[in-house]
Protein backbone atom coordinates (compact mmCIF):
# COMPACT_ATOMS: atom_id res chain seq x y z
CA MET A 1 -74.19 23.80 31.51
CA ASP A 2 -76.53 26.75 31.65
CA TYR A 3 -80.30 26.42 32.42
CA ASP A 4 -83.30 29.08 32.48
CA TYR A 5 -84.09 28.65 36.16
CA VAL A 6 -82.05 27.40 38.89
CA ILE A 7 -83.91 27.27 42.20
CA VAL A 8 -82.01 27.34 45.41
CA GLY A 9 -83.08 24.61 47.78
CA ALA A 10 -85.84 21.46 47.65
CA GLY A 11 -88.08 22.36 50.78
CA ALA A 12 -91.85 23.21 50.51
CA ALA A 13 -91.52 25.70 47.85
CA GLY A 14 -88.51 24.94 45.78
CA CYS A 15 -90.02 21.20 44.80
CA VAL A 16 -93.39 23.49 43.83
CA LEU A 17 -91.43 25.64 41.63
CA ALA A 18 -89.74 22.78 39.90
CA TYR A 19 -93.12 20.88 39.33
CA ARG A 20 -94.65 24.00 37.94
CA LEU A 21 -92.00 25.26 36.35
CA SER A 22 -90.92 22.39 34.65
CA GLU A 23 -94.26 21.89 33.25
CA ASN A 24 -93.26 24.06 30.19
CA PRO A 25 -90.89 21.65 27.88
CA ALA A 26 -88.98 24.60 27.00
CA ASN A 27 -87.67 25.51 30.46
CA ARG A 28 -84.36 24.15 31.44
CA ILE A 29 -84.88 24.01 35.37
CA LEU A 30 -82.02 22.82 38.09
CA LEU A 31 -82.97 22.26 41.76
CA LEU A 32 -80.32 22.35 44.47
CA GLU A 33 -80.23 20.68 47.68
CA TYR A 34 -77.67 20.54 50.77
CA GLY A 35 -79.41 17.59 52.13
CA GLY A 36 -79.95 13.85 51.19
CA THR A 37 -82.90 11.98 49.22
CA ASP A 38 -85.75 11.32 50.96
CA ARG A 39 -86.24 7.59 50.05
CA HIS A 40 -85.43 6.40 53.11
CA PRO A 41 -88.76 4.69 54.73
CA MET A 42 -89.58 6.52 57.64
CA HIS A 43 -89.83 9.13 55.56
CA TYR A 44 -93.35 7.89 54.54
CA VAL A 45 -94.64 6.40 57.74
CA PRO A 46 -96.49 9.47 59.23
CA LYS A 47 -95.29 8.31 62.98
CA GLY A 48 -91.59 8.41 61.49
CA PHE A 49 -90.86 11.66 62.13
CA TYR A 50 -90.60 10.60 66.10
CA PHE A 51 -87.22 9.02 64.47
CA THR A 52 -85.96 10.97 61.46
CA LEU A 53 -86.63 14.30 62.89
CA PRO A 54 -84.34 14.25 66.06
CA THR A 55 -81.68 12.10 64.51
CA GLY A 56 -79.99 14.98 62.46
CA ARG A 57 -79.11 13.26 59.47
CA TYR A 58 -81.76 14.73 57.95
CA THR A 59 -82.47 18.39 59.59
CA TYR A 60 -80.12 21.34 60.55
CA THR A 61 -80.79 23.05 64.56
CA TYR A 62 -79.27 26.70 64.23
CA PRO A 63 -78.50 27.49 67.73
CA THR A 64 -79.90 30.97 68.91
CA LYS A 65 -78.49 33.87 71.29
CA PRO A 66 -79.66 33.46 74.61
CA PHE A 67 -82.99 34.89 75.50
CA LYS A 68 -83.81 32.46 78.81
CA SER A 69 -83.65 33.73 82.12
CA ASP A 70 -81.02 30.88 82.88
CA GLY A 71 -78.71 32.22 79.81
CA THR A 72 -79.31 29.79 77.56
CA GLY A 73 -81.15 29.71 73.92
CA GLU A 74 -82.67 26.93 72.24
CA GLY A 75 -82.40 25.31 68.22
CA TRP A 76 -84.12 26.34 65.33
CA THR A 77 -84.29 23.22 63.57
CA ARG A 78 -85.08 23.07 59.76
CA GLY A 79 -85.36 20.02 57.47
CA LYS A 80 -82.22 19.13 55.19
CA VAL A 81 -83.33 16.72 52.51
CA LEU A 82 -85.25 16.34 49.74
CA GLY A 83 -88.83 17.94 50.79
CA GLY A 84 -87.47 20.51 53.18
CA SER A 85 -89.46 20.32 56.62
CA THR A 86 -92.30 18.75 54.71
CA THR A 87 -90.58 15.39 55.12
CA VAL A 88 -89.68 15.85 58.37
CA ASN A 89 -92.23 17.86 60.29
CA GLY A 90 -95.82 16.63 62.33
CA MET A 91 -97.59 16.63 59.25
CA MET A 92 -100.28 19.54 60.44
CA TYR A 93 -101.80 21.30 57.15
CA THR A 94 -103.57 24.33 57.87
CA ARG A 95 -103.83 27.05 55.89
CA GLY A 96 -104.76 30.10 56.73
CA PHE A 97 -107.85 32.13 56.38
CA GLN A 98 -109.54 34.52 53.88
CA ALA A 99 -108.38 37.49 56.35
CA ASP A 100 -104.61 36.18 56.55
CA TYR A 101 -104.03 36.70 52.53
CA ASP A 102 -106.07 39.87 52.11
CA ARG A 103 -104.41 41.58 54.89
CA LEU A 104 -101.03 41.06 52.42
CA VAL A 105 -103.18 43.42 49.95
CA GLU A 106 -103.32 45.50 52.81
CA LEU A 107 -100.07 45.72 53.69
CA GLY A 108 -99.16 46.80 49.57
CA ASN A 109 -99.01 43.19 48.11
CA LEU A 110 -101.16 43.05 45.03
CA GLY A 111 -102.13 39.52 43.70
CA TRP A 112 -101.54 37.83 47.10
CA GLY A 113 -105.66 37.93 48.70
CA TRP A 114 -108.39 35.21 49.00
CA ASP A 115 -109.64 35.58 45.48
CA GLN A 116 -106.05 34.94 44.32
CA ILE A 117 -104.48 32.23 46.58
CA LEU A 118 -107.93 29.84 47.30
CA PRO A 119 -107.89 28.56 43.75
CA VAL A 120 -104.56 27.76 44.26
CA TYR A 121 -105.28 25.43 47.14
CA LYS A 122 -108.24 24.09 45.33
CA LYS A 123 -106.13 23.38 42.61
CA MET A 124 -103.43 21.73 44.91
CA GLU A 125 -105.33 19.60 47.04
CA ASP A 126 -106.37 16.03 47.03
CA HIS A 127 -108.59 15.94 50.03
CA GLN A 128 -110.43 13.33 51.67
CA LEU A 129 -113.54 15.20 52.13
CA GLY A 130 -113.98 16.06 48.48
CA ALA A 131 -114.08 19.19 46.75
CA SER A 132 -116.27 22.27 48.27
CA ASP A 133 -116.02 25.97 47.86
CA VAL A 134 -113.07 25.72 50.25
CA ARG A 135 -111.14 23.08 49.30
CA GLY A 136 -110.13 20.48 46.42
CA ALA A 137 -110.26 17.16 45.55
CA GLY A 138 -108.09 15.59 42.45
CA GLY A 139 -104.90 17.51 42.86
CA PRO A 140 -100.90 16.63 43.63
CA TYR A 141 -100.93 17.09 47.42
CA GLY A 142 -103.03 14.30 49.49
CA VAL A 143 -104.62 15.63 52.50
CA SER A 144 -106.62 13.73 54.65
CA ILE A 145 -108.67 13.75 58.25
CA PRO A 146 -107.44 10.78 61.39
CA ASP A 147 -109.47 8.53 61.81
CA ALA A 148 -108.10 8.38 65.24
CA ARG A 149 -112.09 8.47 67.12
CA ASP A 150 -111.62 6.75 70.65
CA GLU A 151 -112.92 7.71 73.98
CA VAL A 152 -110.31 10.55 74.90
CA THR A 153 -110.83 12.41 71.64
CA ASP A 154 -114.62 12.14 72.04
CA ALA A 155 -114.59 13.51 74.98
CA LEU A 156 -112.27 16.52 73.69
CA PHE A 157 -114.89 17.18 70.85
CA GLU A 158 -118.42 17.15 73.63
CA ALA A 159 -116.08 18.86 76.09
CA GLY A 160 -115.11 21.91 73.53
CA ARG A 161 -118.96 21.65 72.63
CA ASN A 162 -119.82 22.41 76.28
CA TYR A 163 -117.44 25.12 76.17
CA GLY A 164 -118.98 26.57 73.34
CA TRP A 165 -116.67 25.69 70.55
CA LYS A 166 -118.22 24.60 67.25
CA VAL A 167 -117.19 20.82 66.23
CA VAL A 168 -116.10 20.96 63.09
CA ALA A 169 -115.29 18.37 60.45
CA ASP A 170 -112.81 20.73 58.49
CA ALA A 171 -110.40 22.87 60.70
CA ASN A 172 -109.53 24.79 57.70
CA ALA A 173 -113.15 26.01 56.71
CA GLU A 174 -114.02 28.08 58.91
CA ASP A 175 -112.49 31.23 61.11
CA VAL A 176 -114.33 30.72 63.79
CA GLU A 177 -113.64 29.02 67.52
CA ARG A 178 -113.74 25.46 67.07
CA ILE A 179 -112.08 22.15 67.62
CA GLY A 180 -111.76 18.98 65.43
CA PHE A 181 -109.19 16.60 63.93
CA THR A 182 -106.12 18.02 62.60
CA PRO A 183 -105.80 17.95 58.83
CA SER A 184 -102.93 16.05 58.06
CA SER A 185 -100.82 16.22 54.97
CA ILE A 186 -101.11 12.22 54.26
CA ARG A 187 -103.16 10.53 51.80
CA HIS A 188 -103.85 6.46 52.48
CA GLY A 189 -101.45 6.56 55.26
CA LYS A 190 -98.50 7.51 54.03
CA ARG A 191 -96.67 10.72 54.83
CA THR A 192 -97.21 13.68 52.21
CA SER A 193 -94.29 15.53 51.31
CA ALA A 194 -93.37 18.29 48.83
CA ALA A 195 -91.06 15.81 47.65
CA SER A 196 -93.65 13.08 47.11
CA ALA A 197 -96.33 15.24 45.65
CA PHE A 198 -94.61 17.73 43.55
CA LEU A 199 -91.03 16.62 43.16
CA ARG A 200 -91.35 12.46 42.31
CA PRO A 201 -93.72 13.32 39.26
CA ALA A 202 -92.24 16.68 37.80
CA ARG A 203 -88.43 14.06 37.88
CA ARG A 204 -89.73 12.37 34.95
CA ARG A 205 -89.41 14.98 33.35
CA ARG A 206 -86.26 15.66 31.23
CA ASN A 207 -86.11 19.23 31.59
CA LEU A 208 -85.58 19.13 35.31
CA THR A 209 -81.94 18.05 37.13
CA VAL A 210 -82.20 17.84 40.74
CA MET A 211 -78.54 17.81 42.48
CA THR A 212 -78.83 16.99 46.05
CA HIS A 213 -75.95 17.46 48.65
CA THR A 214 -74.82 20.46 47.26
CA ARG A 215 -74.80 23.62 48.89
CA ALA A 216 -75.71 27.01 47.44
CA ALA A 217 -72.59 29.10 48.40
CA TYR A 218 -72.87 32.15 46.89
CA LEU A 219 -74.76 33.86 43.98
CA LEU A 220 -73.30 35.08 40.85
CA PHE A 221 -73.40 38.36 39.84
CA ASP A 222 -73.05 40.46 36.05
CA GLY A 223 -73.16 44.37 37.69
CA THR A 224 -76.35 44.15 39.86
CA ARG A 225 -77.92 40.82 37.73
CA VAL A 226 -77.66 37.62 39.13
CA VAL A 227 -76.76 35.55 36.67
CA GLY A 228 -76.23 31.66 38.41
CA VAL A 229 -75.39 29.76 41.81
CA ARG A 230 -71.75 29.24 42.82
CA THR A 231 -71.95 25.40 44.41
CA GLU A 232 -69.83 23.35 46.62
CA ARG A 233 -70.03 19.15 46.34
CA GLU A 234 -68.26 16.62 47.85
CA GLY A 235 -65.24 19.81 48.15
CA ARG A 236 -65.40 21.13 45.04
CA LEU A 237 -66.76 24.39 44.05
CA GLU A 238 -68.76 25.08 40.50
CA ASP A 239 -71.13 27.26 38.80
CA PHE A 240 -74.27 26.83 37.71
CA LYS A 241 -75.37 29.94 35.13
CA ALA A 242 -79.51 30.87 35.19
CA VAL A 243 -80.24 32.60 31.89
CA LYS A 244 -83.87 33.73 33.22
CA GLU A 245 -84.27 33.64 37.13
CA VAL A 246 -82.29 32.28 40.45
CA LEU A 247 -85.16 31.25 42.63
CA VAL A 248 -84.00 31.27 46.29
CA SER A 249 -86.04 28.85 47.84
CA GLY A 250 -84.05 27.52 50.96
CA GLY A 251 -86.21 29.06 53.66
CA THR A 252 -85.85 31.85 55.97
CA ILE A 253 -82.66 31.07 57.88
CA GLU A 254 -80.37 29.33 54.48
CA SER A 255 -82.04 32.18 51.94
CA THR A 256 -81.22 34.91 53.84
CA MET A 257 -77.67 34.13 55.03
CA LEU A 258 -77.02 32.85 51.07
CA LEU A 259 -78.41 36.81 50.11
CA GLU A 260 -76.02 38.35 52.72
CA ARG A 261 -72.74 36.16 51.80
CA SER A 262 -73.74 37.37 48.34
CA GLY A 263 -73.68 40.87 49.14
CA ILE A 264 -77.58 41.61 49.27
CA GLY A 265 -78.54 43.45 52.85
CA LYS A 266 -77.63 45.63 55.61
CA PRO A 267 -74.03 47.59 55.19
CA PRO A 268 -72.96 47.32 58.52
CA VAL A 269 -73.71 43.39 58.75
CA LEU A 270 -72.15 42.44 55.29
CA ALA A 271 -69.11 44.73 56.86
CA ALA A 272 -69.33 42.97 59.78
CA ALA A 273 -68.66 39.65 58.17
CA GLY A 274 -66.15 40.31 55.37
CA VAL A 275 -68.35 40.49 52.83
CA ARG A 276 -68.19 43.26 49.80
CA GLY A 277 -71.95 44.81 49.37
CA VAL A 278 -73.66 44.62 45.79
CA ALA A 279 -77.15 46.31 47.14
CA GLU A 280 -77.80 47.59 49.98
CA SER A 281 -80.91 46.18 51.91
CA PRO A 282 -81.66 46.96 55.11
CA ASN A 283 -84.37 44.81 56.11
CA VAL A 284 -82.96 41.55 54.97
CA GLY A 285 -82.77 39.00 58.12
CA GLU A 286 -84.30 41.96 60.03
CA ARG A 287 -88.44 42.01 60.87
CA VAL A 288 -88.52 37.99 61.59
CA ILE A 289 -91.38 36.53 63.59
CA GLU A 290 -91.21 33.27 65.34
CA GLN A 291 -94.06 31.71 67.40
CA ARG A 292 -93.64 30.49 71.02
CA GLY A 293 -96.08 27.99 72.43
CA LEU A 294 -96.82 26.07 76.04
CA GLN A 295 -96.89 23.04 77.16
CA MET A 296 -99.12 20.92 79.73
CA GLN A 297 -99.83 17.40 80.23
CA VAL A 298 -102.56 15.65 82.47
CA LYS A 299 -102.82 12.46 83.38
CA LEU A 300 -105.74 10.02 83.13
CA LYS A 301 -107.25 7.72 85.61
CA ASP A 302 -107.41 4.82 83.62
CA ARG A 303 -105.52 3.01 81.02
CA ILE A 304 -107.28 4.42 77.82
CA GLY A 305 -106.24 6.35 74.48
CA THR A 306 -103.33 5.94 72.53
CA THR A 307 -100.77 5.25 74.93
CA GLN A 308 -101.99 2.38 75.96
CA ARG A 309 -101.22 1.15 72.18
CA LEU A 310 -97.79 2.33 71.49
CA ASN A 311 -96.01 2.46 75.49
CA THR A 312 -93.95 -0.53 75.15
CA LEU A 313 -91.43 -2.03 72.08
CA PRO A 314 -93.78 -5.22 71.73
CA LYS A 315 -96.59 -2.93 71.23
CA GLN A 316 -94.82 -0.78 69.22
CA LEU A 317 -93.75 -3.40 66.84
CA TRP A 318 -97.52 -5.47 66.83
CA GLU A 319 -98.56 -1.75 65.49
CA GLY A 320 -95.88 -1.26 63.16
CA PHE A 321 -96.74 -5.07 61.79
CA LYS A 322 -100.30 -4.21 61.24
CA TYR A 323 -99.60 -0.41 59.70
CA LEU A 324 -97.58 -3.00 57.14
CA PHE A 325 -100.82 -4.41 55.88
CA THR A 326 -103.27 -2.07 56.59
CA ARG A 327 -101.91 1.56 56.86
CA LYS A 328 -104.23 1.86 59.38
CA GLY A 329 -103.73 3.01 63.14
CA PRO A 330 -101.68 5.00 65.42
CA ILE A 331 -98.85 5.02 63.47
CA SER A 332 -101.09 6.34 60.65
CA THR A 333 -101.83 9.06 62.30
CA ALA A 334 -100.00 12.55 62.34
CA GLY A 335 -98.12 14.50 65.16
CA TYR A 336 -101.37 16.19 66.53
CA ASP A 337 -104.46 14.53 66.21
CA VAL A 338 -106.68 17.17 67.64
CA ILE A 339 -106.71 20.61 66.86
CA CYS A 340 -108.75 23.74 67.88
CA GLY A 341 -109.14 27.78 67.52
CA PHE A 342 -109.77 30.52 69.93
CA LYS A 343 -109.69 33.83 70.93
CA SER A 344 -107.79 34.80 73.74
CA SER A 345 -109.76 37.54 74.72
CA PRO A 346 -113.72 38.76 74.11
CA GLU A 347 -111.99 42.02 72.59
CA VAL A 348 -109.94 39.99 69.41
CA ALA A 349 -112.32 39.69 66.10
CA ARG A 350 -110.57 36.02 65.67
CA PRO A 351 -109.04 33.38 66.66
CA ASP A 352 -105.62 34.25 67.66
CA VAL A 353 -104.77 31.28 69.43
CA GLN A 354 -104.23 27.77 67.86
CA GLY A 355 -104.11 24.70 70.07
CA LEU A 356 -103.51 21.10 70.09
CA PHE A 357 -104.20 17.73 72.10
CA VAL A 358 -102.68 14.79 71.29
CA PRO A 359 -104.56 11.41 73.16
CA MET A 360 -100.80 10.48 74.89
CA ALA A 361 -98.57 11.18 77.44
CA LEU A 362 -94.88 11.25 77.84
CA ASP A 363 -92.78 9.86 80.71
CA MET A 364 -91.78 12.40 82.76
CA GLU A 365 -88.49 10.94 84.12
CA SER A 366 -86.93 10.39 80.24
CA PHE A 367 -88.20 13.62 78.77
CA ASP A 368 -85.76 14.31 76.64
CA ALA A 369 -85.78 10.76 75.06
CA VAL A 370 -89.21 11.01 73.96
CA ARG A 371 -90.89 7.92 75.61
CA LEU A 372 -94.66 7.53 76.25
CA ALA A 373 -95.25 6.64 79.85
CA ARG A 374 -97.10 3.66 81.28
CA HIS A 375 -99.83 5.52 82.00
CA SER A 376 -102.59 7.37 80.34
CA GLY A 377 -102.76 10.91 79.38
CA ILE A 378 -103.52 14.28 77.39
CA MET A 379 -100.68 16.39 76.07
CA PHE A 380 -101.65 19.98 74.96
CA LEU A 381 -99.52 22.49 73.27
CA GLY A 382 -100.56 26.26 72.46
CA TYR A 383 -99.23 29.20 70.81
CA GLN A 384 -100.46 32.37 69.83
CA ILE A 385 -100.79 33.05 65.77
CA HIS A 386 -99.59 35.90 64.82
CA PRO A 387 -97.22 37.30 67.05
CA THR A 388 -95.72 40.89 67.12
CA THR A 389 -92.73 40.82 68.58
CA ARG A 390 -89.78 41.04 66.15
CA SER A 391 -86.43 38.96 65.93
CA SER A 392 -83.23 38.87 63.91
CA LEU A 393 -80.98 36.52 62.07
CA HIS A 394 -78.24 37.42 59.94
CA ILE A 395 -74.58 35.14 59.31
CA SER A 396 -71.59 35.55 60.93
CA GLY A 397 -69.07 35.08 58.64
CA LYS A 398 -68.73 35.20 54.23
CA ARG A 399 -67.99 31.26 54.40
CA PRO A 400 -70.83 28.90 53.55
CA GLU A 401 -70.05 26.67 56.73
CA ASP A 402 -70.55 29.59 59.53
CA PRO A 403 -73.15 29.53 61.16
CA PRO A 404 -75.80 32.16 61.62
CA VAL A 405 -76.43 34.66 64.35
CA ILE A 406 -80.48 34.12 65.34
CA ASP A 407 -81.20 36.73 68.06
CA PRO A 408 -84.86 35.85 69.25
CA HIS A 409 -87.29 37.99 71.03
CA TYR A 410 -90.61 36.45 72.22
CA LEU A 411 -93.15 38.19 74.08
CA GLU A 412 -91.94 41.56 74.23
CA SER A 413 -95.30 43.46 73.13
CA ASP A 414 -98.15 44.22 75.49
CA VAL A 415 -100.67 41.62 72.29
CA ASP A 416 -98.24 38.72 72.06
CA ARG A 417 -98.04 38.52 76.55
CA LYS A 418 -102.01 38.99 76.64
CA ALA A 419 -102.94 36.24 75.07
CA THR A 420 -100.14 34.14 75.69
CA ALA A 421 -100.88 34.44 78.89
CA SER A 422 -104.51 33.15 78.20
CA ILE A 423 -103.52 29.45 76.85
CA LEU A 424 -102.64 28.13 79.98
CA GLY A 425 -106.26 28.32 81.49
CA ARG A 426 -108.12 28.34 78.53
CA ALA A 427 -106.77 24.46 77.90
CA ARG A 428 -107.19 24.01 81.83
CA ALA A 429 -110.96 25.03 81.43
CA ILE A 430 -111.60 22.65 78.86
CA LEU A 431 -109.62 19.63 80.60
CA ALA A 432 -112.04 20.49 83.48
CA GLN A 433 -115.03 20.46 81.23
CA SER A 434 -117.08 17.24 81.51
CA PRO A 435 -116.84 14.42 80.17
CA VAL A 436 -113.18 14.60 79.32
CA ALA A 437 -113.13 16.20 83.27
CA GLU A 438 -114.01 12.72 84.90
CA LEU A 439 -110.53 11.15 82.71
CA VAL A 440 -108.44 13.36 84.26
CA ALA A 441 -106.82 12.23 87.57
CA GLU A 442 -104.22 15.49 87.78
CA GLU A 443 -102.32 17.90 86.12
CA GLU A 444 -98.23 16.29 85.76
CA TYR A 445 -96.96 19.52 84.08
CA PRO A 446 -96.61 22.60 84.44
CA GLY A 447 -98.79 22.22 88.08
CA PRO A 448 -100.28 24.75 90.55
CA THR A 449 -96.78 26.85 90.68
CA VAL A 450 -97.86 28.25 87.36
CA SER A 451 -101.16 29.99 87.41
CA THR A 452 -100.73 33.94 87.05
CA ALA A 453 -99.97 35.58 84.26
CA GLU A 454 -96.26 36.14 84.99
CA GLU A 455 -95.90 32.91 85.61
CA VAL A 456 -97.48 31.40 82.38
CA LEU A 457 -95.32 34.15 80.53
CA ARG A 458 -92.04 32.88 82.45
CA TYR A 459 -92.64 29.31 81.91
CA ALA A 460 -93.30 30.11 78.23
CA GLY A 461 -90.16 32.06 77.68
CA ASP A 462 -88.20 29.01 79.49
CA SER A 463 -90.01 26.01 78.69
CA PRO A 464 -88.93 24.53 75.14
CA GLY A 465 -91.27 26.75 73.05
CA THR A 466 -90.04 27.42 69.55
CA ILE A 467 -92.62 26.56 66.47
CA TYR A 468 -90.20 26.16 63.89
CA HIS A 469 -92.79 28.17 61.86
CA ALA A 470 -90.16 31.83 61.37
CA VAL A 471 -90.85 34.21 58.51
CA GLY A 472 -90.34 37.82 57.61
CA ALA A 473 -86.54 37.69 57.20
CA ASN A 474 -86.93 38.97 53.32
CA ALA A 475 -90.93 40.13 53.75
CA MET A 476 -92.47 41.24 50.77
CA GLY A 477 -93.81 44.40 50.50
CA PRO A 478 -94.48 48.01 48.61
CA GLU A 479 -91.41 50.03 50.10
CA ASP A 480 -88.54 50.62 48.94
CA ASP A 481 -85.97 49.03 52.08
CA ASP A 482 -88.87 45.81 52.02
CA VAL A 483 -86.58 43.41 50.34
CA VAL A 484 -89.35 42.06 48.10
CA ASP A 485 -92.02 43.45 45.50
CA SER A 486 -95.43 41.96 45.22
CA ARG A 487 -93.56 39.94 42.80
CA LEU A 488 -91.31 38.29 45.05
CA ARG A 489 -88.25 40.73 42.85
CA VAL A 490 -84.93 41.10 45.59
CA ARG A 491 -85.04 44.94 45.15
CA GLY A 492 -81.73 46.29 44.38
CA VAL A 493 -80.79 43.99 41.48
CA SER A 494 -82.42 41.77 38.97
CA GLY A 495 -82.45 38.14 37.90
CA LEU A 496 -83.47 37.29 41.26
CA ARG A 497 -86.59 36.37 43.70
CA VAL A 498 -86.94 34.60 47.07
CA ILE A 499 -89.77 32.40 47.29
CA ASP A 500 -90.34 30.22 50.71
CA ALA A 501 -91.91 31.40 53.85
CA SER A 502 -89.08 34.56 54.29
CA VAL A 503 -91.42 36.53 52.09
CA PHE A 504 -94.16 36.75 54.66
CA PRO A 505 -94.15 39.84 56.64
CA GLU A 506 -96.80 38.68 58.98
CA GLN A 507 -97.71 34.64 60.17
CA PRO A 508 -100.63 33.13 58.19
CA SER A 509 -103.04 31.18 60.35
CA GLY A 510 -101.81 28.14 61.90
CA ASN A 511 -98.60 26.71 60.28
CA THR A 512 -96.43 27.33 57.54
CA ALA A 513 -96.03 24.08 55.25
CA ALA A 514 -99.29 24.41 53.05
CA PRO A 515 -99.09 28.67 52.94
CA THR A 516 -95.09 28.20 51.78
CA MET A 517 -96.79 25.58 48.67
CA ALA A 518 -99.41 27.68 47.78
CA LEU A 519 -96.98 30.77 47.85
CA ALA A 520 -94.66 29.14 45.17
CA TRP A 521 -97.56 28.08 42.98
CA ARG A 522 -98.57 31.24 42.91
CA ALA A 523 -95.41 32.49 42.14
CA ALA A 524 -94.97 29.69 39.11
CA ASP A 525 -97.99 31.96 37.95
CA LEU A 526 -96.45 35.32 38.29
CA ILE A 527 -92.67 33.75 36.39
CA LEU A 528 -94.49 31.81 33.82
CA ASP A 529 -96.87 34.92 32.56
CA GLU A 530 -93.77 36.76 32.54
CA GLY A 531 -91.93 34.19 30.14
């Protein structure tokens, strides 16, 4: 069967595209997803991601080339389910700020400034705090602020205030040094994902077809025009034609591999994989940016905070029982309770580091098992928001099952090293500030052996620190060698766009889920305007 639009990938971008494009009943839409459905109830329990994220049933984990001092690499994890990573992530709803989007225009991408993107967010959002000049209410995507105030979070907020940060109700509203509860993709105690907010209502429309467990193997061409997608499903190949366009929304890794498998990319990469070139595009898979974080944990003197409500099986069962009836409690909140943004040095113009505090402690003897400690504590994760070091990812062969070759690079530029070296000291300064200092017994990790700038950078490079926000592999730009133009059309071919996080040439502030959904909403406007 022919469709007007074939969308590859039902993640943050693909679900929004399906929602928007199917609003016109004349458009026939096919949405392809390699993962399965999001029906499992754990996908809707906010703390359920502790169970769904590590299983492998709902995620891919792509190994990287070695980059650590011990000769090992890490895995880059992505969602493999309707909703993509928005169904399994930590539910942080951080959007970026005016400077991030106006920067896209400075780079030559007209139509992507704050004047165009802020109205998109206001249409998308159903924010618990209500509508304002910078947020929306009544839209399809639920956003809330955690009701997680306790002795530990109160102390963190007061410590931040005493340190000179602004305590804010909405961390997305002001691009200043700040601390507050983390805006979360949660509504009425249930996770909001791209699938639940956008795809579920769209599936009631007769003009939308959704196919799960279906891998996009190759793009189909008529000359240099993309006319459809060849898929693999249950061992069978099947072709689907797109009368108007194919919209690739597989995410940074999968979208890049689909382009290259289909002959769009850097000639030496394609030749090495045995792929016949269709269009030379030298920056496909290049210019990738990924954030690198570091963690610490302190032990508290008293048994206070969230740890004490969840650190045994009976307590977890009791909180789960209460959650079923109230949709409240520690199970109803996202992965990170408290968020802060700060400058790595007084010289930078705006906050360039994001920090996250969780009033919980992990058992250090079973760290890999993600088991809570018997004692109380505070965990911290911090990362540079806008790294400049570039990585790359490419196909290793021409078959869809061939894994990517991810060559990660971190902390190689002076600006990245300086920003990251500041993070641990700043977290320690907050935790040493009254009144939180009176609660802290000791630092459990990394401890005093990680203090100098070089020690911090080595720790950041060698400990598990990938933030899973890679962008740039198919970046938009005005030059002939940029993969897509400002309307997200792939150069060198027609009938094809890439619409996902891979087209951002730089990291938006914070995380990528919300910016990617806004990107897809804006892209749908462009597509619909063209008819």
